[in-house]
mmCIF file of all heavy atoms, coordinates in Angstrom:
data_MODEL
# 
_entry.id   MODEL 
# 
loop_
_atom_site.group_PDB 
_atom_site.id 
_atom_site.type_symbol 
_atom_site.label_atom_id 
_atom_site.label_alt_id 
_atom_site.label_comp_id 
_atom_site.label_asym_id 
_atom_site.label_entity_id 
_atom_site.label_seq_id 
_atom_site.pdbx_PDB_ins_code 
_atom_site.Cartn_x 
_atom_site.Cartn_y 
_atom_site.Cartn_z 
_atom_site.occupancy 
_atom_site.B_iso_or_equiv 
_atom_site.pdbx_formal_charge 
_atom_site.auth_seq_id 
_atom_site.auth_comp_id 
_atom_site.auth_asym_id 
_atom_site.auth_atom_id 
_atom_site.pdbx_PDB_model_num 
ATOM 1   N N   . ARG A 1 1  ? 96.103  104.143 80.952  1.00 0.00 ? 1  ARG A N   1 
ATOM 2   C CA  . ARG A 1 1  ? 96.222  102.761 80.400  1.00 0.00 ? 1  ARG A CA  1 
ATOM 3   C C   . ARG A 1 1  ? 95.600  102.691 79.001  1.00 0.00 ? 1  ARG A C   1 
ATOM 4   O O   . ARG A 1 1  ? 96.201  102.098 78.074  1.00 0.00 ? 1  ARG A O   1 
ATOM 5   C CB  . ARG A 1 1  ? 95.431  101.809 81.337  1.00 0.00 ? 1  ARG A CB  1 
ATOM 6   C CG  . ARG A 1 1  ? 95.393  100.355 80.884  1.00 0.00 ? 1  ARG A CG  1 
ATOM 7   C CD  . ARG A 1 1  ? 94.509  99.494  81.750  1.00 0.00 ? 1  ARG A CD  1 
ATOM 8   N NE  . ARG A 1 1  ? 93.098  99.893  81.694  1.00 0.00 ? 1  ARG A NE  1 
ATOM 9   C CZ  . ARG A 1 1  ? 92.294  99.622  80.691  1.00 0.00 ? 1  ARG A CZ  1 
ATOM 10  N NH1 . ARG A 1 1  ? 92.733  98.903  79.665  1.00 0.00 ? 1  ARG A NH1 1 
ATOM 11  N NH2 . ARG A 1 1  ? 91.015  100.039 80.693  1.00 0.00 ? 1  ARG A NH2 1 
ATOM 12  N N   . ARG A 1 2  ? 94.374  103.303 78.828  1.00 0.00 ? 2  ARG A N   1 
ATOM 13  C CA  . ARG A 1 2  ? 93.686  103.204 77.576  1.00 0.00 ? 2  ARG A CA  1 
ATOM 14  C C   . ARG A 1 2  ? 94.287  104.036 76.482  1.00 0.00 ? 2  ARG A C   1 
ATOM 15  O O   . ARG A 1 2  ? 94.316  103.632 75.333  1.00 0.00 ? 2  ARG A O   1 
ATOM 16  C CB  . ARG A 1 2  ? 92.212  103.604 77.776  1.00 0.00 ? 2  ARG A CB  1 
ATOM 17  C CG  . ARG A 1 2  ? 91.383  102.551 78.555  1.00 0.00 ? 2  ARG A CG  1 
ATOM 18  C CD  . ARG A 1 2  ? 89.926  102.922 78.725  1.00 0.00 ? 2  ARG A CD  1 
ATOM 19  N NE  . ARG A 1 2  ? 89.742  104.111 79.531  1.00 0.00 ? 2  ARG A NE  1 
ATOM 20  C CZ  . ARG A 1 2  ? 89.385  105.263 79.104  1.00 0.00 ? 2  ARG A CZ  1 
ATOM 21  N NH1 . ARG A 1 2  ? 89.168  105.518 77.784  1.00 0.00 ? 2  ARG A NH1 1 
ATOM 22  N NH2 . ARG A 1 2  ? 89.205  106.311 79.942  1.00 0.00 ? 2  ARG A NH2 1 
ATOM 23  N N   . HIS A 1 3  ? 94.794  105.233 76.817  1.00 0.00 ? 3  HIS A N   1 
ATOM 24  C CA  . HIS A 1 3  ? 95.215  106.151 75.780  1.00 0.00 ? 3  HIS A CA  1 
ATOM 25  C C   . HIS A 1 3  ? 96.700  106.308 75.654  1.00 0.00 ? 3  HIS A C   1 
ATOM 26  O O   . HIS A 1 3  ? 97.197  106.878 74.649  1.00 0.00 ? 3  HIS A O   1 
ATOM 27  C CB  . HIS A 1 3  ? 94.599  107.495 76.069  1.00 0.00 ? 3  HIS A CB  1 
ATOM 28  C CG  . HIS A 1 3  ? 93.092  107.547 75.960  1.00 0.00 ? 3  HIS A CG  1 
ATOM 29  N ND1 . HIS A 1 3  ? 92.432  107.538 74.804  1.00 0.00 ? 3  HIS A ND1 1 
ATOM 30  C CD2 . HIS A 1 3  ? 92.139  107.553 76.935  1.00 0.00 ? 3  HIS A CD2 1 
ATOM 31  C CE1 . HIS A 1 3  ? 91.110  107.566 74.996  1.00 0.00 ? 3  HIS A CE1 1 
ATOM 32  N NE2 . HIS A 1 3  ? 90.907  107.572 76.271  1.00 0.00 ? 3  HIS A NE2 1 
ATOM 33  N N   . HIS A 1 4  ? 97.474  105.868 76.637  1.00 0.00 ? 4  HIS A N   1 
ATOM 34  C CA  . HIS A 1 4  ? 98.935  106.052 76.529  1.00 0.00 ? 4  HIS A CA  1 
ATOM 35  C C   . HIS A 1 4  ? 99.680  104.761 76.826  1.00 0.00 ? 4  HIS A C   1 
ATOM 36  O O   . HIS A 1 4  ? 100.914 104.780 77.011  1.00 0.00 ? 4  HIS A O   1 
ATOM 37  C CB  . HIS A 1 4  ? 99.379  107.090 77.572  1.00 0.00 ? 4  HIS A CB  1 
ATOM 38  C CG  . HIS A 1 4  ? 98.825  108.471 77.200  1.00 0.00 ? 4  HIS A CG  1 
ATOM 39  N ND1 . HIS A 1 4  ? 99.469  109.316 76.265  1.00 0.00 ? 4  HIS A ND1 1 
ATOM 40  C CD2 . HIS A 1 4  ? 97.745  109.148 77.607  1.00 0.00 ? 4  HIS A CD2 1 
ATOM 41  C CE1 . HIS A 1 4  ? 98.777  110.422 76.144  1.00 0.00 ? 4  HIS A CE1 1 
ATOM 42  N NE2 . HIS A 1 4  ? 97.713  110.339 76.951  1.00 0.00 ? 4  HIS A NE2 1 
ATOM 43  N N   . GLY A 1 5  ? 99.059  103.598 76.887  1.00 0.00 ? 5  GLY A N   1 
ATOM 44  C CA  . GLY A 1 5  ? 99.698  102.331 76.969  1.00 0.00 ? 5  GLY A CA  1 
ATOM 45  C C   . GLY A 1 5  ? 100.340 102.024 78.300  1.00 0.00 ? 5  GLY A C   1 
ATOM 46  O O   . GLY A 1 5  ? 101.223 101.115 78.365  1.00 0.00 ? 5  GLY A O   1 
ATOM 47  N N   . PHE A 1 6  ? 99.862  102.618 79.413  1.00 0.00 ? 6  PHE A N   1 
ATOM 48  C CA  . PHE A 1 6  ? 100.406 102.314 80.697  1.00 0.00 ? 6  PHE A CA  1 
ATOM 49  C C   . PHE A 1 6  ? 99.845  101.035 81.225  1.00 0.00 ? 6  PHE A C   1 
ATOM 50  O O   . PHE A 1 6  ? 98.688  100.666 80.953  1.00 0.00 ? 6  PHE A O   1 
ATOM 51  C CB  . PHE A 1 6  ? 100.097 103.487 81.694  1.00 0.00 ? 6  PHE A CB  1 
ATOM 52  C CG  . PHE A 1 6  ? 100.998 104.602 81.610  1.00 0.00 ? 6  PHE A CG  1 
ATOM 53  C CD1 . PHE A 1 6  ? 100.895 105.613 80.630  1.00 0.00 ? 6  PHE A CD1 1 
ATOM 54  C CD2 . PHE A 1 6  ? 102.032 104.804 82.536  1.00 0.00 ? 6  PHE A CD2 1 
ATOM 55  C CE1 . PHE A 1 6  ? 101.704 106.649 80.527  1.00 0.00 ? 6  PHE A CE1 1 
ATOM 56  C CE2 . PHE A 1 6  ? 102.888 105.886 82.485  1.00 0.00 ? 6  PHE A CE2 1 
ATOM 57  C CZ  . PHE A 1 6  ? 102.747 106.803 81.434  1.00 0.00 ? 6  PHE A CZ  1 
ATOM 58  N N   . GLU A 1 7  ? 100.630 100.317 81.997  1.00 0.00 ? 7  GLU A N   1 
ATOM 59  C CA  . GLU A 1 7  ? 100.197 99.155  82.722  1.00 0.00 ? 7  GLU A CA  1 
ATOM 60  C C   . GLU A 1 7  ? 99.952  99.611  84.205  1.00 0.00 ? 7  GLU A C   1 
ATOM 61  O O   . GLU A 1 7  ? 100.707 100.334 84.740  1.00 0.00 ? 7  GLU A O   1 
ATOM 62  C CB  . GLU A 1 7  ? 101.249 98.066  82.717  1.00 0.00 ? 7  GLU A CB  1 
ATOM 63  C CG  . GLU A 1 7  ? 100.794 96.791  83.402  1.00 0.00 ? 7  GLU A CG  1 
ATOM 64  C CD  . GLU A 1 7  ? 101.915 95.767  83.534  1.00 0.00 ? 7  GLU A CD  1 
ATOM 65  O OE1 . GLU A 1 7  ? 102.985 95.953  82.791  1.00 0.00 ? 7  GLU A OE1 1 
ATOM 66  O OE2 . GLU A 1 7  ? 101.811 94.785  84.265  1.00 0.00 ? 7  GLU A OE2 1 
ATOM 67  N N   . VAL A 1 8  ? 98.793  99.202  84.753  1.00 0.00 ? 8  VAL A N   1 
ATOM 68  C CA  . VAL A 1 8  ? 98.443  99.619  86.086  1.00 0.00 ? 8  VAL A CA  1 
ATOM 69  C C   . VAL A 1 8  ? 98.358  98.425  87.046  1.00 0.00 ? 8  VAL A C   1 
ATOM 70  O O   . VAL A 1 8  ? 97.700  97.442  86.779  1.00 0.00 ? 8  VAL A O   1 
ATOM 71  C CB  . VAL A 1 8  ? 97.067  100.332 86.096  1.00 0.00 ? 8  VAL A CB  1 
ATOM 72  C CG1 . VAL A 1 8  ? 96.712  100.816 87.512  1.00 0.00 ? 8  VAL A CG1 1 
ATOM 73  C CG2 . VAL A 1 8  ? 97.096  101.534 85.119  1.00 0.00 ? 8  VAL A CG2 1 
ATOM 74  N N   . THR A 1 9  ? 99.156  98.465  88.095  1.00 0.00 ? 9  THR A N   1 
ATOM 75  C CA  . THR A 1 9  ? 99.067  97.513  89.175  1.00 0.00 ? 9  THR A CA  1 
ATOM 76  C C   . THR A 1 9  ? 98.233  98.026  90.325  1.00 0.00 ? 9  THR A C   1 
ATOM 77  O O   . THR A 1 9  ? 98.555  99.105  90.915  1.00 0.00 ? 9  THR A O   1 
ATOM 78  C CB  . THR A 1 9  ? 100.508 97.131  89.695  1.00 0.00 ? 9  THR A CB  1 
ATOM 79  O OG1 . THR A 1 9  ? 101.253 96.507  88.639  1.00 0.00 ? 9  THR A OG1 1 
ATOM 80  C CG2 . THR A 1 9  ? 100.379 96.186  90.878  1.00 0.00 ? 9  THR A CG2 1 
ATOM 81  N N   . LEU A 1 10 ? 97.177  97.313  90.648  1.00 0.00 ? 10 LEU A N   1 
ATOM 82  C CA  . LEU A 1 10 ? 96.298  97.654  91.827  1.00 0.00 ? 10 LEU A CA  1 
ATOM 83  C C   . LEU A 1 10 ? 96.826  96.823  92.953  1.00 0.00 ? 10 LEU A C   1 
ATOM 84  O O   . LEU A 1 10 ? 96.577  95.629  92.991  1.00 0.00 ? 10 LEU A O   1 
ATOM 85  C CB  . LEU A 1 10 ? 94.829  97.379  91.483  1.00 0.00 ? 10 LEU A CB  1 
ATOM 86  C CG  . LEU A 1 10 ? 94.156  98.284  90.505  1.00 0.00 ? 10 LEU A CG  1 
ATOM 87  C CD1 . LEU A 1 10 ? 92.714  97.887  90.263  1.00 0.00 ? 10 LEU A CD1 1 
ATOM 88  C CD2 . LEU A 1 10 ? 94.266  99.766  90.923  1.00 0.00 ? 10 LEU A CD2 1 
ATOM 89  N N   . LEU A 1 11 ? 97.449  97.485  93.903  1.00 0.00 ? 11 LEU A N   1 
ATOM 90  C CA  . LEU A 1 11 ? 98.065  96.791  95.022  1.00 0.00 ? 11 LEU A CA  1 
ATOM 91  C C   . LEU A 1 11 ? 96.982  96.437  96.015  1.00 0.00 ? 11 LEU A C   1 
ATOM 92  O O   . LEU A 1 11 ? 96.249  97.309  96.518  1.00 0.00 ? 11 LEU A O   1 
ATOM 93  C CB  . LEU A 1 11 ? 99.083  97.769  95.659  1.00 0.00 ? 11 LEU A CB  1 
ATOM 94  C CG  . LEU A 1 11 ? 99.973  97.176  96.770  1.00 0.00 ? 11 LEU A CG  1 
ATOM 95  C CD1 . LEU A 1 11 ? 100.895 96.103  96.202  1.00 0.00 ? 11 LEU A CD1 1 
ATOM 96  C CD2 . LEU A 1 11 ? 100.766 98.297  97.366  1.00 0.00 ? 11 LEU A CD2 1 
ATOM 97  N N   . PRO A 1 12 ? 96.778  95.158  96.368  1.00 0.00 ? 12 PRO A N   1 
ATOM 98  C CA  . PRO A 1 12 ? 95.736  94.768  97.329  1.00 0.00 ? 12 PRO A CA  1 
ATOM 99  C C   . PRO A 1 12 ? 95.963  95.419  98.680  1.00 0.00 ? 12 PRO A C   1 
ATOM 100 O O   . PRO A 1 12 ? 97.146  95.641  99.080  1.00 0.00 ? 12 PRO A O   1 
ATOM 101 C CB  . PRO A 1 12 ? 95.900  93.238  97.352  1.00 0.00 ? 12 PRO A CB  1 
ATOM 102 C CG  . PRO A 1 12 ? 96.594  92.860  96.179  1.00 0.00 ? 12 PRO A CG  1 
ATOM 103 C CD  . PRO A 1 12 ? 97.521  93.971  95.834  1.00 0.00 ? 12 PRO A CD  1 
ATOM 104 N N   . VAL A 1 13 ? 94.899  95.631  99.391  1.00 0.00 ? 13 VAL A N   1 
ATOM 105 C CA  . VAL A 1 13 ? 94.943  96.110  100.791 1.00 0.00 ? 13 VAL A CA  1 
ATOM 106 C C   . VAL A 1 13 ? 94.421  94.963  101.686 1.00 0.00 ? 13 VAL A C   1 
ATOM 107 O O   . VAL A 1 13 ? 93.704  94.090  101.208 1.00 0.00 ? 13 VAL A O   1 
ATOM 108 C CB  . VAL A 1 13 ? 94.124  97.384  101.000 1.00 0.00 ? 13 VAL A CB  1 
ATOM 109 C CG1 . VAL A 1 13 ? 94.756  98.522  100.145 1.00 0.00 ? 13 VAL A CG1 1 
ATOM 110 C CG2 . VAL A 1 13 ? 92.662  97.206  100.597 1.00 0.00 ? 13 VAL A CG2 1 
ATOM 111 N N   . ASP A 1 14 ? 94.629  95.098  102.992 1.00 0.00 ? 14 ASP A N   1 
ATOM 112 C CA  . ASP A 1 14 ? 94.122  94.072  103.906 1.00 0.00 ? 14 ASP A CA  1 
ATOM 113 C C   . ASP A 1 14 ? 92.624  94.426  104.233 1.00 0.00 ? 14 ASP A C   1 
ATOM 114 O O   . ASP A 1 14 ? 92.081  95.402  103.727 1.00 0.00 ? 14 ASP A O   1 
ATOM 115 C CB  . ASP A 1 14 ? 95.001  93.925  105.135 1.00 0.00 ? 14 ASP A CB  1 
ATOM 116 C CG  . ASP A 1 14 ? 95.010  95.119  106.049 1.00 0.00 ? 14 ASP A CG  1 
ATOM 117 O OD1 . ASP A 1 14 ? 94.114  95.999  105.927 1.00 0.00 ? 14 ASP A OD1 1 
ATOM 118 O OD2 . ASP A 1 14 ? 95.882  95.188  106.913 1.00 0.00 ? 14 ASP A OD2 1 
ATOM 119 N N   . GLY A 1 15 ? 92.061  93.693  105.197 1.00 0.00 ? 15 GLY A N   1 
ATOM 120 C CA  . GLY A 1 15 ? 90.644  93.858  105.536 1.00 0.00 ? 15 GLY A CA  1 
ATOM 121 C C   . GLY A 1 15 ? 90.331  95.153  106.224 1.00 0.00 ? 15 GLY A C   1 
ATOM 122 O O   . GLY A 1 15 ? 89.173  95.514  106.339 1.00 0.00 ? 15 GLY A O   1 
ATOM 123 N N   . THR A 1 16 ? 91.390  95.892  106.617 1.00 0.00 ? 16 THR A N   1 
ATOM 124 C CA  . THR A 1 16 ? 91.188  97.198  107.240 1.00 0.00 ? 16 THR A CA  1 
ATOM 125 C C   . THR A 1 16 ? 91.446  98.327  106.273 1.00 0.00 ? 16 THR A C   1 
ATOM 126 O O   . THR A 1 16 ? 91.339  99.494  106.640 1.00 0.00 ? 16 THR A O   1 
ATOM 127 C CB  . THR A 1 16 ? 92.016  97.376  108.513 1.00 0.00 ? 16 THR A CB  1 
ATOM 128 O OG1 . THR A 1 16 ? 93.431  97.417  108.147 1.00 0.00 ? 16 THR A OG1 1 
ATOM 129 C CG2 . THR A 1 16 ? 91.871  96.187  109.450 1.00 0.00 ? 16 THR A CG2 1 
ATOM 130 N N   . GLY A 1 17 ? 91.959  97.970  105.064 1.00 0.00 ? 17 GLY A N   1 
ATOM 131 C CA  . GLY A 1 17 ? 92.281  99.020  104.117 1.00 0.00 ? 17 GLY A CA  1 
ATOM 132 C C   . GLY A 1 17 ? 93.764  99.437  104.061 1.00 0.00 ? 17 GLY A C   1 
ATOM 133 O O   . GLY A 1 17 ? 94.122  100.355 103.355 1.00 0.00 ? 17 GLY A O   1 
ATOM 134 N N   . LEU A 1 18 ? 94.596  98.777  104.879 1.00 0.00 ? 18 LEU A N   1 
ATOM 135 C CA  . LEU A 1 18 ? 96.042  99.148  104.914 1.00 0.00 ? 18 LEU A CA  1 
ATOM 136 C C   . LEU A 1 18 ? 96.834  98.520  103.816 1.00 0.00 ? 18 LEU A C   1 
ATOM 137 O O   . LEU A 1 18 ? 96.614  97.350  103.425 1.00 0.00 ? 18 LEU A O   1 
ATOM 138 C CB  . LEU A 1 18 ? 96.635  98.729  106.263 1.00 0.00 ? 18 LEU A CB  1 
ATOM 139 C CG  . LEU A 1 18 ? 96.336  99.640  107.488 1.00 0.00 ? 18 LEU A CG  1 
ATOM 140 C CD1 . LEU A 1 18 ? 96.974  99.051  108.756 1.00 0.00 ? 18 LEU A CD1 1 
ATOM 141 C CD2 . LEU A 1 18 ? 96.852  101.094 107.248 1.00 0.00 ? 18 LEU A CD2 1 
ATOM 142 N N   . VAL A 1 19 ? 97.800  99.260  103.359 1.00 0.00 ? 19 VAL A N   1 
ATOM 143 C CA  . VAL A 1 19 ? 98.803  98.739  102.360 1.00 0.00 ? 19 VAL A CA  1 
ATOM 144 C C   . VAL A 1 19 ? 99.969  98.178  103.139 1.00 0.00 ? 19 VAL A C   1 
ATOM 145 O O   . VAL A 1 19 ? 100.480 98.782  104.064 1.00 0.00 ? 19 VAL A O   1 
ATOM 146 C CB  . VAL A 1 19 ? 99.297  99.910  101.449 1.00 0.00 ? 19 VAL A CB  1 
ATOM 147 C CG1 . VAL A 1 19 ? 100.467 99.478  100.578 1.00 0.00 ? 19 VAL A CG1 1 
ATOM 148 C CG2 . VAL A 1 19 ? 98.091  100.401 100.581 1.00 0.00 ? 19 VAL A CG2 1 
ATOM 149 N N   . ASP A 1 20 ? 100.412 97.015  102.714 1.00 0.00 ? 20 ASP A N   1 
ATOM 150 C CA  . ASP A 1 20 ? 101.597 96.342  103.283 1.00 0.00 ? 20 ASP A CA  1 
ATOM 151 C C   . ASP A 1 20 ? 102.843 96.946  102.616 1.00 0.00 ? 20 ASP A C   1 
ATOM 152 O O   . ASP A 1 20 ? 102.985 96.824  101.385 1.00 0.00 ? 20 ASP A O   1 
ATOM 153 C CB  . ASP A 1 20 ? 101.519 94.878  103.086 1.00 0.00 ? 20 ASP A CB  1 
ATOM 154 C CG  . ASP A 1 20 ? 102.681 94.120  103.661 1.00 0.00 ? 20 ASP A CG  1 
ATOM 155 O OD1 . ASP A 1 20 ? 103.677 94.757  104.064 1.00 0.00 ? 20 ASP A OD1 1 
ATOM 156 O OD2 . ASP A 1 20 ? 102.646 92.906  103.703 1.00 0.00 ? 20 ASP A OD2 1 
ATOM 157 N N   . PRO A 1 21 ? 103.722 97.591  103.306 1.00 0.00 ? 21 PRO A N   1 
ATOM 158 C CA  . PRO A 1 21 ? 104.956 98.147  102.724 1.00 0.00 ? 21 PRO A CA  1 
ATOM 159 C C   . PRO A 1 21 ? 105.773 97.156  101.930 1.00 0.00 ? 21 PRO A C   1 
ATOM 160 O O   . PRO A 1 21 ? 106.364 97.478  100.879 1.00 0.00 ? 21 PRO A O   1 
ATOM 161 C CB  . PRO A 1 21 ? 105.717 98.785  103.860 1.00 0.00 ? 21 PRO A CB  1 
ATOM 162 C CG  . PRO A 1 21 ? 104.679 99.078  104.855 1.00 0.00 ? 21 PRO A CG  1 
ATOM 163 C CD  . PRO A 1 21 ? 103.620 97.962  104.770 1.00 0.00 ? 21 PRO A CD  1 
ATOM 164 N N   . GLU A 1 22 ? 105.831 95.913  102.401 1.00 0.00 ? 22 GLU A N   1 
ATOM 165 C CA  . GLU A 1 22 ? 106.613 94.914  101.677 1.00 0.00 ? 22 GLU A CA  1 
ATOM 166 C C   . GLU A 1 22 ? 105.963 94.565  100.357 1.00 0.00 ? 22 GLU A C   1 
ATOM 167 O O   . GLU A 1 22 ? 106.661 94.369  99.359  1.00 0.00 ? 22 GLU A O   1 
ATOM 168 C CB  . GLU A 1 22 ? 106.772 93.631  102.565 1.00 0.00 ? 22 GLU A CB  1 
ATOM 169 C CG  . GLU A 1 22 ? 107.626 93.872  103.809 1.00 0.00 ? 22 GLU A CG  1 
ATOM 170 C CD  . GLU A 1 22 ? 107.853 92.590  104.569 1.00 0.00 ? 22 GLU A CD  1 
ATOM 171 O OE1 . GLU A 1 22 ? 107.371 91.522  104.134 1.00 0.00 ? 22 GLU A OE1 1 
ATOM 172 O OE2 . GLU A 1 22 ? 108.507 92.619  105.622 1.00 0.00 ? 22 GLU A OE2 1 
ATOM 173 N N   . ARG A 1 23 ? 104.647 94.487  100.296 1.00 0.00 ? 23 ARG A N   1 
ATOM 174 C CA  . ARG A 1 23 ? 103.946 94.185  99.082  1.00 0.00 ? 23 ARG A CA  1 
ATOM 175 C C   . ARG A 1 23 ? 104.123 95.410  98.126  1.00 0.00 ? 23 ARG A C   1 
ATOM 176 O O   . ARG A 1 23 ? 104.181 95.208  96.871  1.00 0.00 ? 23 ARG A O   1 
ATOM 177 C CB  . ARG A 1 23 ? 102.455 93.865  99.307  1.00 0.00 ? 23 ARG A CB  1 
ATOM 178 C CG  . ARG A 1 23 ? 102.249 92.595  100.096 1.00 0.00 ? 23 ARG A CG  1 
ATOM 179 C CD  . ARG A 1 23 ? 100.806 92.230  100.186 1.00 0.00 ? 23 ARG A CD  1 
ATOM 180 N NE  . ARG A 1 23 ? 100.306 91.623  98.976  1.00 0.00 ? 23 ARG A NE  1 
ATOM 181 C CZ  . ARG A 1 23 ? 99.203  91.058  98.793  1.00 0.00 ? 23 ARG A CZ  1 
ATOM 182 N NH1 . ARG A 1 23 ? 98.313  90.915  99.831  1.00 0.00 ? 23 ARG A NH1 1 
ATOM 183 N NH2 . ARG A 1 23 ? 98.816  90.565  97.598  1.00 0.00 ? 23 ARG A NH2 1 
ATOM 184 N N   . PHE A 1 24 ? 104.120 96.554  98.728  1.00 0.00 ? 24 PHE A N   1 
ATOM 185 C CA  . PHE A 1 24 ? 104.332 97.770  97.917  1.00 0.00 ? 24 PHE A CA  1 
ATOM 186 C C   . PHE A 1 24 ? 105.684 97.722  97.254  1.00 0.00 ? 24 PHE A C   1 
ATOM 187 O O   . PHE A 1 24 ? 105.841 97.958  96.034  1.00 0.00 ? 24 PHE A O   1 
ATOM 188 C CB  . PHE A 1 24 ? 104.157 99.029  98.781  1.00 0.00 ? 24 PHE A CB  1 
ATOM 189 C CG  . PHE A 1 24 ? 104.394 100.289 98.081  1.00 0.00 ? 24 PHE A CG  1 
ATOM 190 C CD1 . PHE A 1 24 ? 103.737 100.603 96.868  1.00 0.00 ? 24 PHE A CD1 1 
ATOM 191 C CD2 . PHE A 1 24 ? 105.298 101.235 98.592  1.00 0.00 ? 24 PHE A CD2 1 
ATOM 192 C CE1 . PHE A 1 24 ? 103.948 101.834 96.232  1.00 0.00 ? 24 PHE A CE1 1 
ATOM 193 C CE2 . PHE A 1 24 ? 105.488 102.444 97.951  1.00 0.00 ? 24 PHE A CE2 1 
ATOM 194 C CZ  . PHE A 1 24 ? 104.847 102.729 96.807  1.00 0.00 ? 24 PHE A CZ  1 
ATOM 195 N N   . ALA A 1 25 ? 106.721 97.410  98.041  1.00 0.00 ? 25 ALA A N   1 
ATOM 196 C CA  . ALA A 1 25 ? 108.082 97.319  97.487  1.00 0.00 ? 25 ALA A CA  1 
ATOM 197 C C   . ALA A 1 25 ? 108.147 96.272  96.369  1.00 0.00 ? 25 ALA A C   1 
ATOM 198 O O   . ALA A 1 25 ? 108.859 96.515  95.361  1.00 0.00 ? 25 ALA A O   1 
ATOM 199 C CB  . ALA A 1 25 ? 109.087 96.955  98.620  1.00 0.00 ? 25 ALA A CB  1 
ATOM 200 N N   . ALA A 1 26 ? 107.480 95.175  96.515  1.00 0.00 ? 26 ALA A N   1 
ATOM 201 C CA  . ALA A 1 26 ? 107.546 94.099  95.561  1.00 0.00 ? 26 ALA A CA  1 
ATOM 202 C C   . ALA A 1 26 ? 106.844 94.535  94.272  1.00 0.00 ? 26 ALA A C   1 
ATOM 203 O O   . ALA A 1 26 ? 107.177 94.003  93.202  1.00 0.00 ? 26 ALA A O   1 
ATOM 204 C CB  . ALA A 1 26 ? 106.894 92.798  96.103  1.00 0.00 ? 26 ALA A CB  1 
ATOM 205 N N   . ALA A 1 27 ? 105.879 95.408  94.355  1.00 0.00 ? 27 ALA A N   1 
ATOM 206 C CA  . ALA A 1 27 ? 105.112 95.825  93.173  1.00 0.00 ? 27 ALA A CA  1 
ATOM 207 C C   . ALA A 1 27 ? 105.902 96.843  92.305  1.00 0.00 ? 27 ALA A C   1 
ATOM 208 O O   . ALA A 1 27 ? 105.568 97.027  91.103  1.00 0.00 ? 27 ALA A O   1 
ATOM 209 C CB  . ALA A 1 27 ? 103.809 96.440  93.612  1.00 0.00 ? 27 ALA A CB  1 
ATOM 210 N N   . LEU A 1 28 ? 106.870 97.545  92.868  1.00 0.00 ? 28 LEU A N   1 
ATOM 211 C CA  . LEU A 1 28 ? 107.660 98.558  92.132  1.00 0.00 ? 28 LEU A CA  1 
ATOM 212 C C   . LEU A 1 28 ? 108.629 97.900  91.234  1.00 0.00 ? 28 LEU A C   1 
ATOM 213 O O   . LEU A 1 28 ? 109.329 96.934  91.595  1.00 0.00 ? 28 LEU A O   1 
ATOM 214 C CB  . LEU A 1 28 ? 108.343 99.471  93.150  1.00 0.00 ? 28 LEU A CB  1 
ATOM 215 C CG  . LEU A 1 28 ? 107.446 100.212 94.113  1.00 0.00 ? 28 LEU A CG  1 
ATOM 216 C CD1 . LEU A 1 28 ? 108.195 101.062 95.057  1.00 0.00 ? 28 LEU A CD1 1 
ATOM 217 C CD2 . LEU A 1 28 ? 106.393 101.106 93.326  1.00 0.00 ? 28 LEU A CD2 1 
# 
């Protein structure tokens, strides 16, 4: 991000630490 101009999306996890596949798909 700092040196090559990338944008970074931090995908939220639920209270147990799991990633929601639907939210992952929406972030791509």
